[in-house]
Amino acid sequence: MYFTQRLERLTLVQVQIFLIIVLVAVLLPWRVTRPLQHKSLDIIHLASALYDSASVKRMSSINKKKLG
């Protein structure tokens, strides 16, 4: 049980790192070549939505383990 909790925490950290890398890789060239546009804001919203869904899934799985 301890191992699965640790594994969930590790995967959430990996998701955070991946999202940060993707945002930096996409937004840096975008800002250098042209000013900030609506498409880059859509990417930010998409990344935050993915992060929120990952957090919700993690919390719901932890709650299920506590109840079950």
C-alpha atoms as a PDB file:
ATOM      1  CA  MET A   1       0.000   0.000   0.000  1.00  0.00           C
ATOM      2  CA  TYR A   2       2.858   2.365   0.809  1.00  0.00           C
ATOM      3  CA  PHE A   3       4.455   1.504  -2.521  1.00  0.00           C
ATOM      4  CA  THR A   4       1.306   2.313  -4.517  1.00  0.00           C
ATOM      5  CA  GLN A   5       0.908   5.688  -2.775  1.00  0.00           C
ATOM      6  CA  ARG A   6       4.525   6.462  -3.494  1.00  0.00           C
ATOM      7  CA  LEU A   7       4.076   5.385  -7.114  1.00  0.00           C
ATOM      8  CA  GLU A   8       1.044   7.684  -7.516  1.00  0.00           C
ATOM      9  CA  ARG A   9       2.976  10.598  -6.063  1.00  0.00           C
ATOM     10  CA  LEU A  10       5.890   9.873  -8.378  1.00  0.00           C
ATOM     11  CA  THR A  11       3.686   9.737 -11.449  1.00  0.00           C
ATOM     12  CA  LEU A  12       2.022  13.036 -10.509  1.00  0.00           C
ATOM     13  CA  VAL A  13       5.459  14.647 -10.171  1.00  0.00           C
ATOM     14  CA  GLN A  14       6.395  13.197 -13.550  1.00  0.00           C
ATOM     15  CA  VAL A  15       3.220  14.686 -15.054  1.00  0.00           C
ATOM     16  CA  GLN A  16       4.093  18.094 -13.593  1.00  0.00           C
ATOM     17  CA  ILE A  17       7.649  17.952 -14.954  1.00  0.00           C
ATOM     18  CA  PHE A  18       6.402  16.844 -18.372  1.00  0.00           C
ATOM     19  CA  LEU A  19       3.869  19.689 -18.553  1.00  0.00           C
ATOM     20  CA  ILE A  20       6.490  22.267 -17.550  1.00  0.00           C
ATOM     21  CA  ILE A  21       8.888  20.977 -20.209  1.00  0.00           C
ATOM     22  CA  VAL A  22       6.163  21.044 -22.869  1.00  0.00           C
ATOM     23  CA  LEU A  23       5.100  24.571 -21.922  1.00  0.00           C
ATOM     24  CA  VAL A  24       8.685  25.859 -22.012  1.00  0.00           C
ATOM     25  CA  ALA A  25       9.428  24.097 -25.293  1.00  0.00           C
ATOM     26  CA  VAL A  26       6.298  25.505 -26.953  1.00  0.00           C
ATOM     27  CA  LEU A  27       6.128  28.992 -25.481  1.00  0.00           C
ATOM     28  CA  LEU A  28       9.798  29.995 -25.701  1.00  0.00           C
ATOM     29  CA  PRO A  29      10.114  29.755 -29.497  1.00  0.00           C
ATOM     30  CA  TRP A  30       6.657  31.306 -29.814  1.00  0.00           C
ATOM     31  CA  ARG A  31       7.620  34.357 -27.754  1.00  0.00           C
ATOM     32  CA  VAL A  32      10.920  34.727 -29.608  1.00  0.00           C
ATOM     33  CA  THR A  33       9.478  34.558 -33.131  1.00  0.00           C
ATOM     34  CA  ARG A  34       6.297  36.585 -32.606  1.00  0.00           C
ATOM     35  CA  PRO A  35       4.343  38.263 -29.822  1.00  0.00           C
ATOM     36  CA  LEU A  36       2.030  36.277 -27.588  1.00  0.00           C
ATOM     37  CA  GLN A  37      -1.082  35.204 -29.478  1.00  0.00           C
ATOM     38  CA  HIS A  38      -4.314  33.413 -28.663  1.00  0.00           C
ATOM     39  CA  LYS A  39      -3.006  29.989 -29.675  1.00  0.00           C
ATOM     40  CA  SER A  40      -0.354  29.967 -26.962  1.00  0.00           C
ATOM     41  CA  LEU A  41      -3.020  30.852 -24.397  1.00  0.00           C
ATOM     42  CA  ASP A  42      -5.026  27.853 -25.609  1.00  0.00           C
ATOM     43  CA  ILE A  43      -1.969  25.677 -24.966  1.00  0.00           C
ATOM     44  CA  ILE A  44      -1.726  27.041 -21.418  1.00  0.00           C
ATOM     45  CA  HIS A  45      -5.407  26.279 -20.808  1.00  0.00           C
ATOM     46  CA  LEU A  46      -4.973  22.768 -22.228  1.00  0.00           C
ATOM     47  CA  ALA A  47      -1.971  22.092 -19.995  1.00  0.00           C
ATOM     48  CA  SER A  48      -3.759  23.347 -16.890  1.00  0.00           C
ATOM     49  CA  ALA A  49      -6.809  21.224 -17.731  1.00  0.00           C
ATOM     50  CA  LEU A  50      -4.597  18.141 -18.100  1.00  0.00           C
ATOM     51  CA  TYR A  51      -2.935  18.874 -14.771  1.00  0.00           C
ATOM     52  CA  ASP A  52      -6.301  19.373 -13.065  1.00  0.00           C
ATOM     53  CA  SER A  53      -7.633  16.092 -14.430  1.00  0.00           C
ATOM     54  CA  ALA A  54      -4.493  14.262 -13.257  1.00  0.00           C
ATOM     55  CA  SER A  55      -4.893  15.736  -9.750  1.00  0.00           C
ATOM     56  CA  VAL A  56      -8.582  14.813  -9.623  1.00  0.00           C
ATOM     57  CA  LYS A  57      -7.854  11.239 -10.728  1.00  0.00           C
ATOM     58  CA  ARG A  58      -5.134  10.915  -8.094  1.00  0.00           C
ATOM     59  CA  MET A  59      -7.349  12.279  -5.322  1.00  0.00           C
ATOM     60  CA  SER A  60     -10.291  10.067  -6.310  1.00  0.00           C
ATOM     61  CA  SER A  61      -8.086   6.961  -6.323  1.00  0.00           C
ATOM     62  CA  ILE A  62      -6.741   7.850  -2.864  1.00  0.00           C
ATOM     63  CA  ASN A  63     -10.280   8.409  -1.560  1.00  0.00           C
ATOM     64  CA  LYS A  64     -11.422   5.063  -2.974  1.00  0.00           C
ATOM     65  CA  LYS A  65      -8.577   3.318  -1.168  1.00  0.00           C
ATOM     66  CA  LYS A  66      -9.495   5.022   2.107  1.00  0.00           C
ATOM     67  CA  LEU A  67     -13.166   4.044   1.781  1.00  0.00           C
ATOM     68  CA  GLY A  68     -12.586   0.531   0.458  1.00  0.00           C
END
